[in-house]
Amino acid sequence: MLNADEMFMREAIRQANMASSKDEVPVGAIIVHERKIIARAHNQIETLKDPTAHAEMIAITQATNYLSSKWLEKCTLYVTIEPCSMCAGALVLARITRVCFGASEPKTGACGSVINIANHKSLNHRVEVSNNILAEECSSIVSEFFQKKRKAKKEIHS
């Protein structure tokens, strides 16, 4: 039986798969408030030609609009891949209570892998972080996406 974190991460995974189907790097995110999903998003960087159109950033905007508040207190973000420094910074600024991510991001992760913006002692807010939620599945979505990209590129140059 799935626990609540796994159940909500499954929805983030659905969002990641939507991104992949649109040829976006497959990252999906949802925000939950009082056990209700109030935001669903996936990467739209290529679609919008916007380097800030990460799943987390879009979800933050949706959630703050839903709550009519700049703060995301009592909210949890579920995201398939560890947030980058931009997204982690935005989550701190939004004062989100908790972040749950699937796979760590060893190149850009800002919730403990490379740096830890989510819990930096000098910042005015710290975010509770839970990781490795359905990590293998979250990681494989990204790995498979880039394998297909490399294969397609190789076929073009052959």
N, C-alpha and C. Protein backbone atom coordinates (compact mmCIF):
# COMPACT_ATOMS: atom_id res chain seq x y z
N MET A 1 0.84 -1.19 0.00
CA MET A 1 0.00 0.00 0.00
C MET A 1 0.88 1.25 0.00
N LEU A 2 0.53 2.22 -0.82
CA LEU A 2 1.30 3.45 -0.91
C LEU A 2 1.03 4.34 0.30
N ASN A 3 2.11 4.96 0.81
CA ASN A 3 1.89 5.97 1.83
C ASN A 3 1.53 7.28 1.13
N ALA A 4 1.20 8.31 1.89
CA ALA A 4 0.76 9.58 1.30
C ALA A 4 1.85 10.19 0.42
N ASP A 5 3.11 10.16 0.88
CA ASP A 5 4.19 10.74 0.08
C ASP A 5 4.31 10.03 -1.27
N GLU A 6 4.23 8.72 -1.27
CA GLU A 6 4.32 7.97 -2.53
C GLU A 6 3.11 8.25 -3.42
N MET A 7 1.95 8.36 -2.82
CA MET A 7 0.73 8.65 -3.59
C MET A 7 0.86 10.00 -4.30
N PHE A 8 1.30 11.02 -3.57
CA PHE A 8 1.44 12.34 -4.17
C PHE A 8 2.60 12.37 -5.18
N MET A 9 3.67 11.61 -4.90
CA MET A 9 4.79 11.57 -5.85
C MET A 9 4.33 10.93 -7.17
N ARG A 10 3.42 9.98 -7.11
CA ARG A 10 2.89 9.38 -8.35
C ARG A 10 2.26 10.45 -9.23
N GLU A 11 1.60 11.42 -8.63
CA GLU A 11 1.01 12.51 -9.41
C GLU A 11 2.10 13.38 -10.02
N ALA A 12 3.17 13.63 -9.28
CA ALA A 12 4.30 14.39 -9.83
C ALA A 12 4.92 13.62 -11.00
N ILE A 13 4.99 12.30 -10.88
CA ILE A 13 5.52 11.47 -11.96
C ILE A 13 4.63 11.58 -13.20
N ARG A 14 3.32 11.63 -13.01
CA ARG A 14 2.42 11.83 -14.15
C ARG A 14 2.73 13.16 -14.86
N GLN A 15 3.02 14.16 -14.06
CA GLN A 15 3.38 15.46 -14.65
C GLN A 15 4.71 15.37 -15.41
N ALA A 16 5.66 14.63 -14.85
CA ALA A 16 6.95 14.44 -15.53
C ALA A 16 6.75 13.75 -16.87
N ASN A 17 5.89 12.76 -16.90
CA ASN A 17 5.61 12.05 -18.15
C ASN A 17 4.94 12.98 -19.17
N MET A 18 4.12 13.91 -18.70
CA MET A 18 3.53 14.90 -19.61
C MET A 18 4.63 15.77 -20.22
N ALA A 19 5.59 16.16 -19.41
CA ALA A 19 6.70 16.97 -19.91
C ALA A 19 7.46 16.20 -20.99
N SER A 20 7.75 14.94 -20.71
CA SER A 20 8.49 14.10 -21.65
C SER A 20 7.75 14.00 -22.98
N SER A 21 6.44 13.85 -22.92
CA SER A 21 5.65 13.74 -24.16
C SER A 21 5.68 15.02 -24.98
N LYS A 22 6.06 16.14 -24.35
CA LYS A 22 6.17 17.43 -25.04
C LYS A 22 7.63 17.78 -25.34
N ASP A 23 8.50 16.78 -25.22
CA ASP A 23 9.93 16.94 -25.46
C ASP A 23 10.58 17.94 -24.50
N GLU A 24 10.06 17.99 -23.29
CA GLU A 24 10.65 18.78 -22.21
C GLU A 24 11.39 17.83 -21.29
N VAL A 25 12.44 18.32 -20.62
CA VAL A 25 13.10 17.49 -19.62
C VAL A 25 12.03 17.08 -18.61
N PRO A 26 11.87 15.77 -18.38
CA PRO A 26 10.73 15.28 -17.61
C PRO A 26 10.84 15.47 -16.10
N VAL A 27 10.48 16.66 -15.69
CA VAL A 27 10.37 16.97 -14.26
C VAL A 27 8.94 17.37 -14.01
N GLY A 28 8.34 16.77 -12.99
CA GLY A 28 6.97 17.10 -12.62
C GLY A 28 6.90 17.51 -11.17
N ALA A 29 5.94 18.37 -10.87
CA ALA A 29 5.78 18.86 -9.50
C ALA A 29 4.31 19.07 -9.18
N ILE A 30 3.98 18.86 -7.92
CA ILE A 30 2.65 19.22 -7.42
C ILE A 30 2.84 19.88 -6.06
N ILE A 31 1.88 20.66 -5.66
CA ILE A 31 1.88 21.24 -4.31
C ILE A 31 0.58 20.84 -3.64
N VAL A 32 0.74 20.39 -2.40
CA VAL A 32 -0.38 19.89 -1.60
C VAL A 32 -0.57 20.80 -0.40
N HIS A 33 -1.82 21.15 -0.15
CA HIS A 33 -2.20 21.94 1.04
C HIS A 33 -3.35 21.22 1.71
N GLU A 34 -3.16 20.88 2.96
CA GLU A 34 -4.18 20.17 3.74
C GLU A 34 -4.70 18.94 2.98
N ARG A 35 -3.75 18.14 2.49
CA ARG A 35 -3.99 16.88 1.79
C ARG A 35 -4.73 17.03 0.45
N LYS A 36 -4.79 18.25 -0.07
CA LYS A 36 -5.44 18.50 -1.36
C LYS A 36 -4.41 19.06 -2.33
N ILE A 37 -4.38 18.54 -3.56
CA ILE A 37 -3.47 19.06 -4.58
C ILE A 37 -4.01 20.40 -5.06
N ILE A 38 -3.18 21.44 -4.91
CA ILE A 38 -3.60 22.79 -5.32
C ILE A 38 -2.80 23.31 -6.52
N ALA A 39 -1.79 22.56 -6.93
CA ALA A 39 -1.00 22.96 -8.11
C ALA A 39 -0.40 21.71 -8.75
N ARG A 40 -0.40 21.70 -10.08
CA ARG A 40 0.21 20.63 -10.87
C ARG A 40 0.99 21.29 -11.99
N ALA A 41 2.26 20.87 -12.17
CA ALA A 41 3.06 21.50 -13.22
C ALA A 41 4.16 20.55 -13.69
N HIS A 42 4.67 20.86 -14.87
CA HIS A 42 5.82 20.16 -15.40
C HIS A 42 6.69 21.19 -16.12
N ASN A 43 7.94 20.80 -16.39
CA ASN A 43 8.84 21.72 -17.08
C ASN A 43 8.21 22.22 -18.38
N GLN A 44 8.40 23.51 -18.64
CA GLN A 44 7.93 24.12 -19.89
C GLN A 44 8.99 25.05 -20.46
N ILE A 45 10.24 24.74 -20.19
CA ILE A 45 11.35 25.58 -20.62
C ILE A 45 11.40 25.72 -22.13
N GLU A 46 11.31 24.60 -22.84
CA GLU A 46 11.37 24.63 -24.31
C GLU A 46 10.10 25.24 -24.89
N THR A 47 8.98 24.87 -24.35
CA THR A 47 7.69 25.36 -24.85
C THR A 47 7.59 26.87 -24.74
N LEU A 48 7.96 27.40 -23.59
CA LEU A 48 7.84 28.84 -23.34
C LEU A 48 9.10 29.63 -23.69
N LYS A 49 10.17 28.90 -24.07
CA LYS A 49 11.47 29.55 -24.34
C LYS A 49 11.87 30.41 -23.15
N ASP A 50 11.76 29.80 -21.95
CA ASP A 50 11.98 30.53 -20.70
C ASP A 50 12.80 29.65 -19.76
N PRO A 51 14.03 30.03 -19.45
CA PRO A 51 14.86 29.21 -18.58
C PRO A 51 14.34 29.10 -17.15
N THR A 52 13.39 29.95 -16.78
CA THR A 52 12.83 29.87 -15.43
C THR A 52 11.55 29.04 -15.36
N ALA A 53 11.13 28.46 -16.46
CA ALA A 53 9.85 27.72 -16.50
C ALA A 53 10.03 26.29 -16.00
N HIS A 54 10.64 26.17 -14.84
CA HIS A 54 10.79 24.86 -14.19
C HIS A 54 9.45 24.47 -13.57
N ALA A 55 9.24 23.19 -13.43
CA ALA A 55 8.00 22.67 -12.85
C ALA A 55 7.70 23.31 -11.49
N GLU A 56 8.74 23.42 -10.66
CA GLU A 56 8.55 23.97 -9.31
C GLU A 56 8.09 25.42 -9.36
N MET A 57 8.69 26.21 -10.25
CA MET A 57 8.35 27.64 -10.35
C MET A 57 6.90 27.82 -10.80
N ILE A 58 6.50 27.03 -11.77
CA ILE A 58 5.12 27.11 -12.26
C ILE A 58 4.14 26.67 -11.17
N ALA A 59 4.50 25.62 -10.45
CA ALA A 59 3.65 25.13 -9.35
C ALA A 59 3.54 26.18 -8.23
N ILE A 60 4.63 26.84 -7.92
CA ILE A 60 4.59 27.89 -6.88
C ILE A 60 3.60 28.98 -7.28
N THR A 61 3.66 29.41 -8.52
CA THR A 61 2.74 30.46 -9.00
C THR A 61 1.29 29.99 -8.91
N GLN A 62 1.03 28.76 -9.35
CA GLN A 62 -0.33 28.23 -9.27
C GLN A 62 -0.82 28.17 -7.82
N ALA A 63 0.03 27.68 -6.93
CA ALA A 63 -0.37 27.51 -5.53
C ALA A 63 -0.59 28.84 -4.83
N THR A 64 0.28 29.82 -5.07
CA THR A 64 0.07 31.12 -4.43
C THR A 64 -1.19 31.79 -4.96
N ASN A 65 -1.46 31.60 -6.25
CA ASN A 65 -2.72 32.12 -6.80
C ASN A 65 -3.91 31.43 -6.16
N TYR A 66 -3.84 30.11 -6.02
CA TYR A 66 -4.94 29.35 -5.42
C TYR A 66 -5.22 29.82 -3.99
N LEU A 67 -4.15 30.02 -3.23
CA LEU A 67 -4.29 30.41 -1.82
C LEU A 67 -4.46 31.92 -1.64
N SER A 68 -4.30 32.68 -2.71
CA SER A 68 -4.31 34.15 -2.63
C SER A 68 -3.34 34.64 -1.55
N SER A 69 -2.14 34.07 -1.59
CA SER A 69 -1.13 34.40 -0.59
C SER A 69 0.26 34.24 -1.20
N LYS A 70 1.19 35.07 -0.76
CA LYS A 70 2.57 34.90 -1.22
C LYS A 70 3.28 33.81 -0.43
N TRP A 71 2.68 33.33 0.66
CA TRP A 71 3.28 32.28 1.49
C TRP A 71 2.63 30.94 1.22
N LEU A 72 3.45 29.91 1.25
CA LEU A 72 2.95 28.54 1.06
C LEU A 72 3.12 27.76 2.37
N GLU A 73 2.72 28.38 3.45
CA GLU A 73 2.76 27.72 4.75
C GLU A 73 1.77 26.56 4.75
N LYS A 74 2.13 25.52 5.45
CA LYS A 74 1.32 24.30 5.52
C LYS A 74 1.18 23.62 4.15
N CYS A 75 2.15 23.86 3.26
CA CYS A 75 2.14 23.24 1.95
C CYS A 75 3.37 22.35 1.79
N THR A 76 3.21 21.33 0.95
CA THR A 76 4.30 20.43 0.60
C THR A 76 4.43 20.38 -0.91
N LEU A 77 5.66 20.53 -1.39
CA LEU A 77 5.96 20.35 -2.81
C LEU A 77 6.46 18.93 -3.00
N TYR A 78 5.91 18.24 -3.99
CA TYR A 78 6.41 16.93 -4.42
C TYR A 78 6.98 17.15 -5.81
N VAL A 79 8.25 16.81 -5.98
CA VAL A 79 8.91 17.01 -7.27
C VAL A 79 9.79 15.81 -7.56
N THR A 80 9.81 15.42 -8.82
CA THR A 80 10.47 14.17 -9.19
C THR A 80 11.99 14.24 -9.07
N ILE A 81 12.58 15.42 -9.25
CA ILE A 81 14.03 15.59 -9.17
C ILE A 81 14.33 16.71 -8.17
N GLU A 82 15.41 16.58 -7.45
CA GLU A 82 15.83 17.59 -6.47
C GLU A 82 15.85 18.99 -7.09
N PRO A 83 15.24 19.96 -6.41
CA PRO A 83 15.22 21.33 -6.94
C PRO A 83 16.62 21.93 -7.10
N CYS A 84 16.75 22.77 -8.13
CA CYS A 84 17.98 23.52 -8.39
C CYS A 84 18.04 24.73 -7.46
N SER A 85 19.10 25.51 -7.56
CA SER A 85 19.26 26.67 -6.68
C SER A 85 18.15 27.72 -6.89
N MET A 86 17.74 27.94 -8.14
CA MET A 86 16.67 28.90 -8.40
C MET A 86 15.38 28.46 -7.71
N CYS A 87 15.03 27.20 -7.90
CA CYS A 87 13.77 26.69 -7.35
C CYS A 87 13.83 26.59 -5.83
N ALA A 88 14.95 26.14 -5.30
CA ALA A 88 15.10 26.06 -3.83
C ALA A 88 15.01 27.45 -3.22
N GLY A 89 15.61 28.43 -3.87
CA GLY A 89 15.52 29.80 -3.38
C GLY A 89 14.09 30.31 -3.39
N ALA A 90 13.37 30.01 -4.45
CA ALA A 90 11.96 30.43 -4.54
C ALA A 90 11.12 29.74 -3.46
N LEU A 91 11.43 28.49 -3.18
CA LEU A 91 10.69 27.76 -2.15
C LEU A 91 10.94 28.34 -0.77
N VAL A 92 12.17 28.76 -0.51
CA VAL A 92 12.48 29.44 0.76
C VAL A 92 11.73 30.76 0.83
N LEU A 93 11.77 31.54 -0.26
CA LEU A 93 11.08 32.82 -0.27
C LEU A 93 9.57 32.67 -0.09
N ALA A 94 9.02 31.59 -0.61
CA ALA A 94 7.58 31.33 -0.48
C ALA A 94 7.23 30.73 0.88
N ARG A 95 8.26 30.41 1.65
CA ARG A 95 8.09 29.83 2.99
C ARG A 95 7.29 28.53 2.97
N ILE A 96 7.57 27.72 1.97
CA ILE A 96 6.92 26.41 1.92
C ILE A 96 7.37 25.60 3.13
N THR A 97 6.51 24.75 3.64
CA THR A 97 6.84 23.99 4.83
C THR A 97 7.75 22.81 4.52
N ARG A 98 7.46 22.11 3.43
CA ARG A 98 8.15 20.84 3.18
C ARG A 98 8.35 20.62 1.68
N VAL A 99 9.48 20.00 1.34
CA VAL A 99 9.77 19.58 -0.03
C VAL A 99 10.07 18.09 0.01
N CYS A 100 9.41 17.34 -0.87
CA CYS A 100 9.67 15.91 -1.03
C CYS A 100 10.13 15.71 -2.46
N PHE A 101 11.31 15.13 -2.63
CA PHE A 101 11.75 14.88 -4.00
C PHE A 101 12.10 13.42 -4.19
N GLY A 102 12.06 13.02 -5.45
CA GLY A 102 12.35 11.64 -5.80
C GLY A 102 13.84 11.40 -5.89
N ALA A 103 14.44 11.77 -7.01
CA ALA A 103 15.85 11.49 -7.26
C ALA A 103 16.71 12.71 -6.95
N SER A 104 17.88 12.45 -6.40
CA SER A 104 18.86 13.51 -6.17
C SER A 104 19.41 13.99 -7.50
N GLU A 105 19.89 15.23 -7.51
CA GLU A 105 20.47 15.81 -8.72
C GLU A 105 21.92 16.21 -8.38
N PRO A 106 22.87 15.31 -8.68
CA PRO A 106 24.26 15.53 -8.26
C PRO A 106 24.98 16.69 -8.94
N LYS A 107 24.39 17.25 -9.99
CA LYS A 107 25.04 18.38 -10.69
C LYS A 107 24.50 19.73 -10.26
N THR A 108 23.20 19.79 -9.94
CA THR A 108 22.59 21.09 -9.65
C THR A 108 21.70 21.10 -8.40
N GLY A 109 21.63 19.99 -7.69
CA GLY A 109 20.71 19.90 -6.55
C GLY A 109 21.01 20.89 -5.45
N ALA A 110 19.99 21.61 -5.00
CA ALA A 110 20.17 22.64 -3.98
C ALA A 110 19.39 22.35 -2.70
N CYS A 111 19.06 21.06 -2.49
CA CYS A 111 18.42 20.65 -1.25
C CYS A 111 19.31 19.61 -0.56
N GLY A 112 20.62 19.75 -0.75
CA GLY A 112 21.56 18.89 -0.08
C GLY A 112 22.62 18.24 -0.94
N SER A 113 22.37 18.05 -2.23
CA SER A 113 23.35 17.34 -3.07
C SER A 113 24.59 18.17 -3.37
N VAL A 114 24.40 19.35 -3.95
CA VAL A 114 25.53 20.23 -4.28
C VAL A 114 25.65 21.31 -3.23
N ILE A 115 24.53 21.97 -2.96
CA ILE A 115 24.42 22.97 -1.90
C ILE A 115 23.10 22.74 -1.20
N ASN A 116 22.90 23.45 -0.10
CA ASN A 116 21.64 23.26 0.63
C ASN A 116 21.00 24.61 0.92
N ILE A 117 20.37 25.15 -0.09
CA ILE A 117 19.65 26.41 0.08
C ILE A 117 18.41 26.21 0.94
N ALA A 118 17.78 25.04 0.82
CA ALA A 118 16.55 24.76 1.56
C ALA A 118 16.75 24.86 3.08
N ASN A 119 17.94 24.60 3.54
CA ASN A 119 18.21 24.63 4.98
C ASN A 119 19.44 25.45 5.33
N HIS A 120 19.68 26.51 4.60
CA HIS A 120 20.85 27.35 4.86
C HIS A 120 20.62 28.17 6.13
N LYS A 121 21.58 28.10 7.03
CA LYS A 121 21.41 28.74 8.34
C LYS A 121 21.31 30.26 8.28
N SER A 122 21.80 30.87 7.21
CA SER A 122 21.76 32.33 7.11
C SER A 122 20.45 32.86 6.54
N LEU A 123 19.62 32.00 6.01
CA LEU A 123 18.36 32.44 5.42
C LEU A 123 17.26 32.52 6.48
N ASN A 124 16.21 33.28 6.18
CA ASN A 124 15.16 33.52 7.17
C ASN A 124 14.12 32.40 7.28
N HIS A 125 14.24 31.38 6.44
CA HIS A 125 13.28 30.26 6.49
C HIS A 125 14.02 29.00 6.11
N ARG A 126 13.65 27.92 6.76
CA ARG A 126 14.21 26.62 6.43
C ARG A 126 13.08 25.68 6.06
N VAL A 127 13.37 24.83 5.07
CA VAL A 127 12.37 23.92 4.54
C VAL A 127 12.69 22.51 4.99
N GLU A 128 11.69 21.80 5.48
CA GLU A 128 11.86 20.38 5.79
C GLU A 128 12.00 19.64 4.47
N VAL A 129 13.00 18.78 4.35
CA VAL A 129 13.25 18.07 3.10
C VAL A 129 13.18 16.56 3.33
N SER A 130 12.44 15.89 2.48
CA SER A 130 12.41 14.42 2.44
C SER A 130 12.82 14.02 1.04
N ASN A 131 13.72 13.04 0.94
CA ASN A 131 14.19 12.65 -0.39
C ASN A 131 14.04 11.16 -0.62
N ASN A 132 14.42 10.74 -1.82
CA ASN A 132 14.38 9.34 -2.23
C ASN A 132 12.98 8.73 -2.22
N ILE A 133 11.98 9.53 -2.52
CA ILE A 133 10.60 9.02 -2.60
C ILE A 133 10.39 8.53 -4.03
N LEU A 134 10.25 7.23 -4.20
CA LEU A 134 10.15 6.60 -5.52
C LEU A 134 11.33 7.04 -6.40
N ALA A 135 12.50 7.13 -5.79
CA ALA A 135 13.70 7.66 -6.45
C ALA A 135 14.06 6.92 -7.72
N GLU A 136 14.00 5.61 -7.68
CA GLU A 136 14.40 4.83 -8.86
C GLU A 136 13.51 5.16 -10.05
N GLU A 137 12.22 5.22 -9.81
CA GLU A 137 11.28 5.53 -10.89
C GLU A 137 11.48 6.95 -11.40
N CYS A 138 11.68 7.89 -10.49
CA CYS A 138 11.89 9.28 -10.89
C CYS A 138 13.18 9.43 -11.70
N SER A 139 14.21 8.76 -11.27
CA SER A 139 15.50 8.81 -11.97
C SER A 139 15.42 8.18 -13.35
N SER A 140 14.73 7.06 -13.45
CA SER A 140 14.66 6.35 -14.73
C SER A 140 13.91 7.16 -15.80
N ILE A 141 12.94 7.96 -15.40
CA ILE A 141 12.22 8.80 -16.37
C ILE A 141 13.19 9.76 -17.06
N VAL A 142 14.05 10.37 -16.26
CA VAL A 142 15.03 11.32 -16.81
C VAL A 142 16.09 10.58 -17.63
N SER A 143 16.59 9.48 -17.10
CA SER A 143 17.62 8.70 -17.81
C SER A 143 17.12 8.24 -19.17
N GLU A 144 15.91 7.69 -19.21
CA GLU A 144 15.35 7.21 -20.46
C GLU A 144 15.14 8.36 -21.46
N PHE A 145 14.72 9.50 -20.96
CA PHE A 145 14.52 10.68 -21.82
C PHE A 145 15.83 11.05 -22.52
N PHE A 146 16.91 11.14 -21.75
CA PHE A 146 18.19 11.54 -22.34
C PHE A 146 18.80 10.43 -23.19
N GLN A 147 18.55 9.19 -22.87
CA GLN A 147 19.01 8.09 -23.74
C GLN A 147 18.35 8.20 -25.11
N LYS A 148 17.05 8.47 -25.14
CA LYS A 148 16.34 8.63 -26.41
C LYS A 148 16.88 9.83 -27.19
N LYS A 149 17.18 10.91 -26.48
CA LYS A 149 17.73 12.11 -27.12
C LYS A 149 19.08 11.80 -27.76
N ARG A 150 19.95 11.11 -27.02
CA ARG A 150 21.28 10.76 -27.54
C ARG A 150 21.17 9.83 -28.74
N LYS A 151 20.25 8.87 -28.65
CA LYS A 151 20.06 7.90 -29.74
C LYS A 151 19.57 8.63 -31.00
N ALA A 152 18.62 9.53 -30.84
CA ALA A 152 18.09 10.28 -31.98
C ALA A 152 19.17 11.15 -32.59
N LYS A 153 19.99 11.77 -31.77
CA LYS A 153 21.08 12.61 -32.26
C LYS A 153 22.10 11.78 -33.01
N LYS A 154 22.40 10.59 -32.50
CA LYS A 154 23.35 9.69 -33.13
C LYS A 154 22.83 9.22 -34.51
N GLU A 155 21.53 8.94 -34.58
CA GLU A 155 20.93 8.50 -35.85
C GLU A 155 20.96 9.61 -36.89
N ILE A 156 20.80 10.83 -36.47
CA ILE A 156 20.84 11.97 -37.39
C ILE A 156 22.24 12.12 -37.98
N HIS A 157 23.26 11.92 -37.14
CA HIS A 157 24.64 12.09 -37.58
C HIS A 157 25.25 10.85 -38.21
N SER A 158 24.47 9.80 -38.34
CA SER A 158 25.00 8.54 -38.93
C SER A 158 24.84 8.52 -40.43
